[in-house]
Amino acid sequence: MLVARKDKKQDVGCFSSAYKVAYEANGRPQPSTLVAPQLIPRLINSGGGDGNEVVPTAAFVSSVKMVHRFYASTEEGMTESDLDQFLVDINMSIERGSEMR
């Protein structure tokens, strides 16, 4: 699949697969995919009688409140320029990332 029309070049030299090098150094084969912990359990808890209710974790709520306090410039909350600064800080642009939606 062609992603870009021009060849990408860099002067550092050939890159190696960090996972392959690390696993082979320990005498183990490289896994087929990166194994990472699930983030969803850190963000939400299942709750309610039927188990379908989604409840944010206390740590997630605390983190969102901390970000809000950092960026909010008024007592009422974040202004449009506060939101723009947040988007620039996390996405380097106000026109990128799912957060802008």
PDB file of N, CA and C in Angstrom:
ATOM      1  N   MET A   1       0.854  -1.176   0.000  1.00  0.00           N
ATOM      2  CA  MET A   1       0.000   0.000   0.000  1.00  0.00           C
ATOM      3  C   MET A   1       0.897   1.235   0.000  1.00  0.00           C
ATOM      4  N   LEU A   2       0.626   2.150  -0.871  1.00  0.00           N
ATOM      5  CA  LEU A   2       1.401   3.380  -0.977  1.00  0.00           C
ATOM      6  C   LEU A   2       0.810   4.438  -0.060  1.00  0.00           C
ATOM      7  N   VAL A   3       1.600   4.907   0.893  1.00  0.00           N
ATOM      8  CA  VAL A   3       1.137   5.907   1.843  1.00  0.00           C
ATOM      9  C   VAL A   3       1.613   7.291   1.431  1.00  0.00           C
ATOM     10  N   ALA A   4       2.838   7.386   0.952  1.00  0.00           N
ATOM     11  CA  ALA A   4       3.405   8.672   0.544  1.00  0.00           C
ATOM     12  C   ALA A   4       4.055   8.501  -0.829  1.00  0.00           C
ATOM     13  N   ARG A   5       4.101   9.551  -1.585  1.00  0.00           N
ATOM     14  CA  ARG A   5       4.670   9.478  -2.928  1.00  0.00           C
ATOM     15  C   ARG A   5       6.189   9.564  -2.924  1.00  0.00           C
ATOM     16  N   LYS A   6       6.777  10.210  -1.944  1.00  0.00           N
ATOM     17  CA  LYS A   6       8.229  10.327  -1.943  1.00  0.00           C
ATOM     18  C   LYS A   6       8.849   9.358  -0.946  1.00  0.00           C
ATOM     19  N   ASP A   7      10.059   8.915  -1.260  1.00  0.00           N
ATOM     20  CA  ASP A   7      10.771   8.021  -0.356  1.00  0.00           C
ATOM     21  C   ASP A   7      11.164   8.777   0.907  1.00  0.00           C
ATOM     22  N   LYS A   8      11.079   8.104   2.017  1.00  0.00           N
ATOM     23  CA  LYS A   8      11.503   8.676   3.293  1.00  0.00           C
ATOM     24  C   LYS A   8      12.960   8.295   3.512  1.00  0.00           C
ATOM     25  N   LYS A   9      13.786   9.261   3.846  1.00  0.00           N
ATOM     26  CA  LYS A   9      15.197   9.012   4.076  1.00  0.00           C
ATOM     27  C   LYS A   9      15.629   9.652   5.384  1.00  0.00           C
ATOM     28  N   GLN A  10      16.615   9.030   6.020  1.00  0.00           N
ATOM     29  CA  GLN A  10      17.200   9.580   7.225  1.00  0.00           C
ATOM     30  C   GLN A  10      18.661   9.166   7.250  1.00  0.00           C
ATOM     31  N   ASP A  11      19.475   9.895   7.994  1.00  0.00           N
ATOM     32  CA  ASP A  11      20.925   9.690   8.001  1.00  0.00           C
ATOM     33  C   ASP A  11      21.434   8.879   9.190  1.00  0.00           C
ATOM     34  N   VAL A  12      20.536   8.355  10.011  1.00  0.00           N
ATOM     35  CA  VAL A  12      20.951   7.651  11.213  1.00  0.00           C
ATOM     36  C   VAL A  12      21.482   6.259  10.880  1.00  0.00           C
ATOM     37  N   GLY A  13      20.945   5.625   9.885  1.00  0.00           N
ATOM     38  CA  GLY A  13      21.319   4.251   9.541  1.00  0.00           C
ATOM     39  C   GLY A  13      20.103   3.358   9.629  1.00  0.00           C
ATOM     40  N   CYS A  14      20.324   2.057   9.483  1.00  0.00           N
ATOM     41  CA  CYS A  14      19.210   1.108   9.521  1.00  0.00           C
ATOM     42  C   CYS A  14      18.667   0.985  10.942  1.00  0.00           C
ATOM     43  N   PHE A  15      17.358   0.895  11.043  1.00  0.00           N
ATOM     44  CA  PHE A  15      16.713   0.703  12.337  1.00  0.00           C
ATOM     45  C   PHE A  15      16.550  -0.785  12.606  1.00  0.00           C
ATOM     46  N   SER A  16      16.512  -1.141  13.858  1.00  0.00           N
ATOM     47  CA  SER A  16      16.250  -2.511  14.283  1.00  0.00           C
ATOM     48  C   SER A  16      14.943  -2.543  15.046  1.00  0.00           C
ATOM     49  N   SER A  17      14.343  -3.714  15.100  1.00  0.00           N
ATOM     50  CA  SER A  17      13.141  -3.894  15.897  1.00  0.00           C
ATOM     51  C   SER A  17      13.554  -4.000  17.364  1.00  0.00           C
ATOM     52  N   ALA A  18      13.164  -3.030  18.167  1.00  0.00           N
ATOM     53  CA  ALA A  18      13.535  -3.030  19.586  1.00  0.00           C
ATOM     54  C   ALA A  18      12.981  -4.261  20.297  1.00  0.00           C
ATOM     55  N   TYR A  19      11.772  -4.678  19.946  1.00  0.00           N
ATOM     56  CA  TYR A  19      11.177  -5.849  20.578  1.00  0.00           C
ATOM     57  C   TYR A  19      11.948  -7.116  20.218  1.00  0.00           C
ATOM     58  N   LYS A  20      12.311  -7.242  18.944  1.00  0.00           N
ATOM     59  CA  LYS A  20      13.059  -8.425  18.512  1.00  0.00           C
ATOM     60  C   LYS A  20      14.411  -8.495  19.232  1.00  0.00           C
ATOM     61  N   VAL A  21      15.114  -7.387  19.282  1.00  0.00           N
ATOM     62  CA  VAL A  21      16.425  -7.351  19.943  1.00  0.00           C
ATOM     63  C   VAL A  21      16.293  -7.690  21.424  1.00  0.00           C
ATOM     64  N   ALA A  22      15.317  -7.090  22.101  1.00  0.00           N
ATOM     65  CA  ALA A  22      15.141  -7.311  23.537  1.00  0.00           C
ATOM     66  C   ALA A  22      14.764  -8.751  23.846  1.00  0.00           C
ATOM     67  N   TYR A  23      13.828  -9.311  23.088  1.00  0.00           N
ATOM     68  CA  TYR A  23      13.405 -10.684  23.356  1.00  0.00           C
ATOM     69  C   TYR A  23      14.497 -11.687  23.000  1.00  0.00           C
ATOM     70  N   GLU A  24      15.179 -11.476  21.864  1.00  0.00           N
ATOM     71  CA  GLU A  24      16.242 -12.402  21.475  1.00  0.00           C
ATOM     72  C   GLU A  24      17.410 -12.363  22.461  1.00  0.00           C
ATOM     73  N   ALA A  25      17.668 -11.219  23.076  1.00  0.00           N
ATOM     74  CA  ALA A  25      18.735 -11.106  24.065  1.00  0.00           C
ATOM     75  C   ALA A  25      18.447 -11.981  25.280  1.00  0.00           C
ATOM     76  N   ASN A  26      17.167 -12.242  25.527  1.00  0.00           N
ATOM     77  CA  ASN A  26      16.758 -13.090  26.647  1.00  0.00           C
ATOM     78  C   ASN A  26      16.431 -14.512  26.194  1.00  0.00           C
ATOM     79  N   GLY A  27      16.796 -14.836  24.944  1.00  0.00           N
ATOM     80  CA  GLY A  27      16.582 -16.188  24.439  1.00  0.00           C
ATOM     81  C   GLY A  27      15.131 -16.544  24.190  1.00  0.00           C
ATOM     82  N   ARG A  28      14.298 -15.540  23.972  1.00  0.00           N
ATOM     83  CA  ARG A  28      12.866 -15.788  23.744  1.00  0.00           C
ATOM     84  C   ARG A  28      12.473 -15.234  22.392  1.00  0.00           C
ATOM     85  N   PRO A  29      11.506 -15.851  21.717  1.00  0.00           N
ATOM     86  CA  PRO A  29      11.046 -15.316  20.429  1.00  0.00           C
ATOM     87  C   PRO A  29      10.217 -14.049  20.637  1.00  0.00           C
ATOM     88  N   GLN A  30      10.278 -13.184  19.681  1.00  0.00           N
ATOM     89  CA  GLN A  30       9.504 -11.944  19.728  1.00  0.00           C
ATOM     90  C   GLN A  30       8.021 -12.283  19.630  1.00  0.00           C
ATOM     91  N   PRO A  31       7.169 -11.702  20.484  1.00  0.00           N
ATOM     92  CA  PRO A  31       5.730 -11.947  20.349  1.00  0.00           C
ATOM     93  C   PRO A  31       5.203 -11.312  19.068  1.00  0.00           C
ATOM     94  N   SER A  32       4.088 -11.844  18.581  1.00  0.00           N
ATOM     95  CA  SER A  32       3.540 -11.341  17.323  1.00  0.00           C
ATOM     96  C   SER A  32       2.940  -9.949  17.460  1.00  0.00           C
ATOM     97  N   THR A  33       2.506  -9.580  18.644  1.00  0.00           N
ATOM     98  CA  THR A  33       1.950  -8.248  18.872  1.00  0.00           C
ATOM     99  C   THR A  33       2.485  -7.705  20.191  1.00  0.00           C
ATOM    100  N   LEU A  34       2.416  -6.401  20.333  1.00  0.00           N
ATOM    101  CA  LEU A  34       2.811  -5.773  21.590  1.00  0.00           C
ATOM    102  C   LEU A  34       1.765  -6.102  22.647  1.00  0.00           C
ATOM    103  N   VAL A  35       2.193  -6.625  23.746  1.00  0.00           N
ATOM    104  CA  VAL A  35       1.283  -6.953  24.832  1.00  0.00           C
ATOM    105  C   VAL A  35       1.316  -5.789  25.813  1.00  0.00           C
ATOM    106  N   ALA A  36       0.173  -5.157  25.988  1.00  0.00           N
ATOM    107  CA  ALA A  36       0.077  -4.000  26.875  1.00  0.00           C
ATOM    108  C   ALA A  36      -1.145  -4.165  27.776  1.00  0.00           C
ATOM    109  N   PRO A  37      -1.112  -3.581  28.952  1.00  0.00           N
ATOM    110  CA  PRO A  37      -2.269  -3.705  29.837  1.00  0.00           C
ATOM    111  C   PRO A  37      -3.480  -2.966  29.270  1.00  0.00           C
ATOM    112  N   GLN A  38      -4.639  -3.475  29.563  1.00  0.00           N
ATOM    113  CA  GLN A  38      -5.880  -2.833  29.149  1.00  0.00           C
ATOM    114  C   GLN A  38      -6.051  -1.509  29.892  1.00  0.00           C
ATOM    115  N   LEU A  39      -6.450  -0.471  29.184  1.00  0.00           N
ATOM    116  CA  LEU A  39      -6.681   0.826  29.824  1.00  0.00           C
ATOM    117  C   LEU A  39      -8.105   0.971  30.348  1.00  0.00           C
ATOM    118  N   ILE A  40      -9.051   0.307  29.706  1.00  0.00           N
ATOM    119  CA  ILE A  40     -10.457   0.472  30.079  1.00  0.00           C
ATOM    120  C   ILE A  40     -10.705   0.204  31.569  1.00  0.00           C
ATOM    121  N   PRO A  41     -10.140  -0.859  32.178  1.00  0.00           N
ATOM    122  CA  PRO A  41     -10.392  -1.060  33.615  1.00  0.00           C
ATOM    123  C   PRO A  41      -9.877   0.075  34.487  1.00  0.00           C
ATOM    124  N   ARG A  42      -8.922   0.847  33.982  1.00  0.00           N
ATOM    125  CA  ARG A  42      -8.422   1.985  34.759  1.00  0.00           C
ATOM    126  C   ARG A  42      -9.335   3.208  34.624  1.00  0.00           C
ATOM    127  N   LEU A  43     -10.213   3.170  33.620  1.00  0.00           N
ATOM    128  CA  LEU A  43     -11.085   4.310  33.358  1.00  0.00           C
ATOM    129  C   LEU A  43     -12.511   4.089  33.835  1.00  0.00           C
ATOM    130  N   ILE A  44     -13.007   2.877  33.699  1.00  0.00           N
ATOM    131  CA  ILE A  44     -14.408   2.623  34.053  1.00  0.00           C
ATOM    132  C   ILE A  44     -14.549   1.343  34.863  1.00  0.00           C
ATOM    133  N   ASN A  45     -15.617   1.312  35.655  1.00  0.00           N
ATOM    134  CA  ASN A  45     -16.024   0.115  36.392  1.00  0.00           C
ATOM    135  C   ASN A  45     -17.387  -0.285  35.872  1.00  0.00           C
ATOM    136  N   SER A  46     -17.684  -1.565  35.854  1.00  0.00           N
ATOM    137  CA  SER A  46     -19.040  -2.006  35.564  1.00  0.00           C
ATOM    138  C   SER A  46     -19.809  -1.936  36.870  1.00  0.00           C
ATOM    139  N   GLY A  47     -21.042  -1.540  36.796  1.00  0.00           N
ATOM    140  CA  GLY A  47     -21.829  -1.435  38.013  1.00  0.00           C
ATOM    141  C   GLY A  47     -23.296  -1.604  37.703  1.00  0.00           C
ATOM    142  N   GLY A  48     -24.107  -1.429  38.666  1.00  0.00           N
ATOM    143  CA  GLY A  48     -25.544  -1.548  38.471  1.00  0.00           C
ATOM    144  C   GLY A  48     -26.022  -2.982  38.558  1.00  0.00           C
ATOM    145  N   GLY A  49     -27.324  -3.151  38.614  1.00  0.00           N
ATOM    146  CA  GLY A  49     -27.917  -4.469  38.766  1.00  0.00           C
ATOM    147  C   GLY A  49     -27.692  -5.394  37.589  1.00  0.00           C
ATOM    148  N   ASP A  50     -27.797  -4.869  36.372  1.00  0.00           N
ATOM    149  CA  ASP A  50     -27.655  -5.743  35.202  1.00  0.00           C
ATOM    150  C   ASP A  50     -26.226  -5.769  34.679  1.00  0.00           C
ATOM    151  N   GLY A  51     -25.311  -5.031  35.293  1.00  0.00           N
ATOM    152  CA  GLY A  51     -23.913  -5.041  34.879  1.00  0.00           C
ATOM    153  C   GLY A  51     -23.613  -4.219  33.644  1.00  0.00           C
ATOM    154  N   ASN A  52     -24.599  -3.509  33.105  1.00  0.00           N
ATOM    155  CA  ASN A  52     -24.393  -2.702  31.896  1.00  0.00           C
ATOM    156  C   ASN A  52     -24.106  -1.238  32.185  1.00  0.00           C
ATOM    157  N   GLU A  53     -24.286  -0.818  33.422  1.00  0.00           N
ATOM    158  CA  GLU A  53     -24.030   0.570  33.779  1.00  0.00           C
ATOM    159  C   GLU A  53     -22.521   0.817  33.799  1.00  0.00           C
ATOM    160  N   VAL A  54     -22.094   1.912  33.193  1.00  0.00           N
ATOM    161  CA  VAL A  54     -20.683   2.268  33.165  1.00  0.00           C
ATOM    162  C   VAL A  54     -20.448   3.373  34.174  1.00  0.00           C
ATOM    163  N   VAL A  55     -19.530   3.133  35.100  1.00  0.00           N
ATOM    164  CA  VAL A  55     -19.228   4.076  36.172  1.00  0.00           C
ATOM    165  C   VAL A  55     -17.743   4.411  36.088  1.00  0.00           C
ATOM    166  N   PRO A  56     -17.382   5.704  35.979  1.00  0.00           N
ATOM    167  CA  PRO A  56     -15.951   6.045  35.924  1.00  0.00           C
ATOM    168  C   PRO A  56     -15.264   5.722  37.240  1.00  0.00           C
ATOM    169  N   THR A  57     -14.004   5.319  37.155  1.00  0.00           N
ATOM    170  CA  THR A  57     -13.237   5.043  38.368  1.00  0.00           C
ATOM    171  C   THR A  57     -12.924   6.365  39.075  1.00  0.00           C
ATOM    172  N   ALA A  58     -12.662   6.286  40.355  1.00  0.00           N
ATOM    173  CA  ALA A  58     -12.315   7.482  41.126  1.00  0.00           C
ATOM    174  C   ALA A  58     -11.034   8.117  40.586  1.00  0.00           C
ATOM    175  N   ALA A  59     -10.072   7.291  40.174  1.00  0.00           N
ATOM    176  CA  ALA A  59      -8.806   7.815  39.643  1.00  0.00           C
ATOM    177  C   ALA A  59      -9.041   8.572  38.340  1.00  0.00           C
ATOM    178  N   PHE A  60      -9.933   8.065  37.489  1.00  0.00           N
ATOM    179  CA  PHE A  60     -10.243   8.741  36.226  1.00  0.00           C
ATOM    180  C   PHE A  60     -10.920  10.084  36.489  1.00  0.00           C
ATOM    181  N   VAL A  61     -11.905  10.097  37.368  1.00  0.00           N
ATOM    182  CA  VAL A  61     -12.600  11.342  37.712  1.00  0.00           C
ATOM    183  C   VAL A  61     -11.620  12.351  38.295  1.00  0.00           C
ATOM    184  N   SER A  62     -10.752  11.889  39.168  1.00  0.00           N
ATOM    185  CA  SER A  62      -9.750  12.770  39.774  1.00  0.00           C
ATOM    186  C   SER A  62      -8.822  13.367  38.714  1.00  0.00           C
ATOM    187  N   SER A  63      -8.402  12.557  37.762  1.00  0.00           N
ATOM    188  CA  SER A  63      -7.511  13.029  36.693  1.00  0.00           C
ATOM    189  C   SER A  63      -8.196  14.063  35.807  1.00  0.00           C
ATOM    190  N   VAL A  64      -9.451  13.820  35.460  1.00  0.00           N
ATOM    191  CA  VAL A  64     -10.190  14.776  34.625  1.00  0.00           C
ATOM    192  C   VAL A  64     -10.362  16.099  35.369  1.00  0.00           C
ATOM    193  N   LYS A  65     -10.672  16.024  36.653  1.00  0.00           N
ATOM    194  CA  LYS A  65     -10.827  17.249  37.452  1.00  0.00           C
ATOM    195  C   LYS A  65      -9.510  18.016  37.545  1.00  0.00           C
ATOM    196  N   MET A  66      -8.399  17.299  37.672  1.00  0.00           N
ATOM    197  CA  MET A  66      -7.096  17.948  37.756  1.00  0.00           C
ATOM    198  C   MET A  66      -6.780  18.685  36.449  1.00  0.00           C
ATOM    199  N   VAL A  67      -7.036  18.036  35.321  1.00  0.00           N
ATOM    200  CA  VAL A  67      -6.796  18.680  34.016  1.00  0.00           C
ATOM    201  C   VAL A  67      -7.702  19.899  33.882  1.00  0.00           C
ATOM    202  N   HIS A  68      -8.960  19.766  34.286  1.00  0.00           N
ATOM    203  CA  HIS A  68      -9.903  20.885  34.195  1.00  0.00           C
ATOM    204  C   HIS A  68      -9.438  22.064  35.039  1.00  0.00           C
ATOM    205  N   ARG A  69      -9.006  21.793  36.280  1.00  0.00           N
ATOM    206  CA  ARG A  69      -8.519  22.880  37.148  1.00  0.00           C
ATOM    207  C   ARG A  69      -7.292  23.563  36.543  1.00  0.00           C
ATOM    208  N   PHE A  70      -6.434  22.787  35.902  1.00  0.00           N
ATOM    209  CA  PHE A  70      -5.216  23.343  35.312  1.00  0.00           C
ATOM    210  C   PHE A  70      -5.540  24.295  34.158  1.00  0.00           C
ATOM    211  N   TYR A  71      -6.508  23.927  33.323  1.00  0.00           N
ATOM    212  CA  TYR A  71      -6.801  24.728  32.124  1.00  0.00           C
ATOM    213  C   TYR A  71      -7.906  25.769  32.313  1.00  0.00           C
ATOM    214  N   ALA A  72      -8.803  25.574  33.253  1.00  0.00           N
ATOM    215  CA  ALA A  72      -9.926  26.509  33.417  1.00  0.00           C
ATOM    216  C   ALA A  72      -9.425  27.862  33.906  1.00  0.00           C
ATOM    217  N   SER A  73      -9.760  28.906  33.160  1.00  0.00           N
ATOM    218  CA  SER A  73      -9.313  30.252  33.529  1.00  0.00           C
ATOM    219  C   SER A  73     -10.397  31.042  34.249  1.00  0.00           C
ATOM    220  N   THR A  74     -11.595  30.488  34.342  1.00  0.00           N
ATOM    221  CA  THR A  74     -12.682  31.179  35.023  1.00  0.00           C
ATOM    222  C   THR A  74     -13.315  30.248  36.052  1.00  0.00           C
ATOM    223  N   GLU A  75     -14.069  30.827  36.973  1.00  0.00           N
ATOM    224  CA  GLU A  75     -14.788  30.029  37.969  1.00  0.00           C
ATOM    225  C   GLU A  75     -15.858  29.159  37.318  1.00  0.00           C
ATOM    226  N   GLU A  76     -16.411  29.635  36.196  1.00  0.00           N
ATOM    227  CA  GLU A  76     -17.479  28.905  35.513  1.00  0.00           C
ATOM    228  C   GLU A  76     -16.955  27.685  34.762  1.00  0.00           C
ATOM    229  N   GLY A  77     -15.669  27.690  34.439  1.00  0.00           N
ATOM    230  CA  GLY A  77     -15.113  26.555  33.702  1.00  0.00           C
ATOM    231  C   GLY A  77     -14.137  27.005  32.631  1.00  0.00           C
ATOM    232  N   MET A  78     -13.981  26.155  31.642  1.00  0.00           N
ATOM    233  CA  MET A  78     -13.017  26.415  30.577  1.00  0.00           C
ATOM    234  C   MET A  78     -13.652  27.259  29.473  1.00  0.00           C
ATOM    235  N   THR A  79     -12.909  28.255  29.024  1.00  0.00           N
ATOM    236  CA  THR A  79     -13.354  29.073  27.899  1.00  0.00           C
ATOM    237  C   THR A  79     -12.923  28.406  26.595  1.00  0.00           C
ATOM    238  N   GLU A  80     -13.352  28.961  25.486  1.00  0.00           N
ATOM    239  CA  GLU A  80     -12.948  28.413  24.193  1.00  0.00           C
ATOM    240  C   GLU A  80     -11.434  28.486  24.021  1.00  0.00           C
ATOM    241  N   SER A  81     -10.819  29.565  24.477  1.00  0.00           N
ATOM    242  CA  SER A  81      -9.366  29.658  24.358  1.00  0.00           C
ATOM    243  C   SER A  81      -8.667  28.667  25.295  1.00  0.00           C
ATOM    244  N   ASP A  82      -9.266  28.358  26.458  1.00  0.00           N
ATOM    245  CA  ASP A  82      -8.736  27.315  27.341  1.00  0.00           C
ATOM    246  C   ASP A  82      -8.764  25.961  26.638  1.00  0.00           C
ATOM    247  N   LEU A  83      -9.890  25.671  25.981  1.00  0.00           N
ATOM    248  CA  LEU A  83     -10.019  24.414  25.238  1.00  0.00           C
ATOM    249  C   LEU A  83      -9.004  24.342  24.103  1.00  0.00           C
ATOM    250  N   ASP A  84      -8.836  25.459  23.391  1.00  0.00           N
ATOM    251  CA  ASP A  84      -7.847  25.490  22.311  1.00  0.00           C
ATOM    252  C   ASP A  84      -6.446  25.207  22.838  1.00  0.00           C
ATOM    253  N   GLN A  85      -6.100  25.781  23.998  1.00  0.00           N
ATOM    254  CA  GLN A  85      -4.770  25.544  24.571  1.00  0.00           C
ATOM    255  C   GLN A  85      -4.597  24.085  24.967  1.00  0.00           C
ATOM    256  N   PHE A  86      -5.647  23.488  25.536  1.00  0.00           N
ATOM    257  CA  PHE A  86      -5.614  22.064  25.882  1.00  0.00           C
ATOM    258  C   PHE A  86      -5.355  21.224  24.631  1.00  0.00           C
ATOM    259  N   LEU A  87      -6.080  21.499  23.542  1.00  0.00           N
ATOM    260  CA  LEU A  87      -5.904  20.740  22.300  1.00  0.00           C
ATOM    261  C   LEU A  87      -4.507  20.914  21.727  1.00  0.00           C
ATOM    262  N   VAL A  88      -3.977  22.125  21.769  1.00  0.00           N
ATOM    263  CA  VAL A  88      -2.614  22.368  21.269  1.00  0.00           C
ATOM    264  C   VAL A  88      -1.600  21.604  22.124  1.00  0.00           C
ATOM    265  N   ASP A  89      -1.795  21.600  23.438  1.00  0.00           N
ATOM    266  CA  ASP A  89      -0.861  20.916  24.330  1.00  0.00           C
ATOM    267  C   ASP A  89      -0.840  19.401  24.104  1.00  0.00           C
ATOM    268  N   ILE A  90      -1.999  18.798  23.846  1.00  0.00           N
ATOM    269  CA  ILE A  90      -2.017  17.342  23.716  1.00  0.00           C
ATOM    270  C   ILE A  90      -1.898  16.857  22.278  1.00  0.00           C
ATOM    271  N   ASN A  91      -2.271  17.695  21.300  1.00  0.00           N
ATOM    272  CA  ASN A  91      -2.253  17.274  19.901  1.00  0.00           C
ATOM    273  C   ASN A  91      -1.383  18.144  18.998  1.00  0.00           C
ATOM    274  N   MET A  92      -0.795  19.192  19.562  1.00  0.00           N
ATOM    275  CA  MET A  92      -0.001  20.160  18.807  1.00  0.00           C
ATOM    276  C   MET A  92      -0.803  20.906  17.742  1.00  0.00           C
ATOM    277  N   SER A  93      -2.116  20.881  17.849  1.00  0.00           N
ATOM    278  CA  SER A  93      -2.986  21.595  16.916  1.00  0.00           C
ATOM    279  C   SER A  93      -4.410  21.547  17.458  1.00  0.00           C
ATOM    280  N   ILE A  94      -5.203  22.562  17.141  1.00  0.00           N
ATOM    281  CA  ILE A  94      -6.616  22.513  17.555  1.00  0.00           C
ATOM    282  C   ILE A  94      -7.447  21.733  16.543  1.00  0.00           C
ATOM    283  N   GLU A  95      -6.845  21.294  15.454  1.00  0.00           N
ATOM    284  CA  GLU A  95      -7.572  20.607  14.402  1.00  0.00           C
ATOM    285  C   GLU A  95      -7.213  19.129  14.279  1.00  0.00           C
ATOM    286  N   ARG A  96      -6.585  18.549  15.304  1.00  0.00           N
ATOM    287  CA  ARG A  96      -6.215  17.133  15.268  1.00  0.00           C
ATOM    288  C   ARG A  96      -6.742  16.420  16.503  1.00  0.00           C
ATOM    289  N   GLY A  97      -6.834  15.118  16.404  1.00  0.00           N
ATOM    290  CA  GLY A  97      -7.175  14.296  17.561  1.00  0.00           C
ATOM    291  C   GLY A  97      -8.659  14.168  17.810  1.00  0.00           C
ATOM    292  N   SER A  98      -9.033  13.091  18.453  1.00  0.00           N
ATOM    293  CA  SER A  98     -10.456  12.835  18.728  1.00  0.00           C
ATOM    294  C   SER A  98     -10.999  13.785  19.793  1.00  0.00           C
ATOM    295  N   GLU A  99     -10.117  14.373  20.617  1.00  0.00           N
ATOM    296  CA  GLU A  99     -10.574  15.273  21.679  1.00  0.00           C
ATOM    297  C   GLU A  99     -11.249  16.515  21.121  1.00  0.00           C
ATOM    298  N   MET A 100     -10.840  16.969  19.939  1.00  0.00           N
ATOM    299  CA  MET A 100     -11.439  18.192  19.387  1.00  0.00           C
ATOM    300  C   MET A 100     -12.909  18.002  19.044  1.00  0.00           C
ATOM    301  N   ARG A 101     -13.320  16.768  18.826  1.00  0.00           N
ATOM    302  CA  ARG A 101     -14.720  16.513  18.482  1.00  0.00           C
ATOM    303  C   ARG A 101     -15.583  16.637  19.713  1.00  0.00           C
TER     304      ARG A 101
END
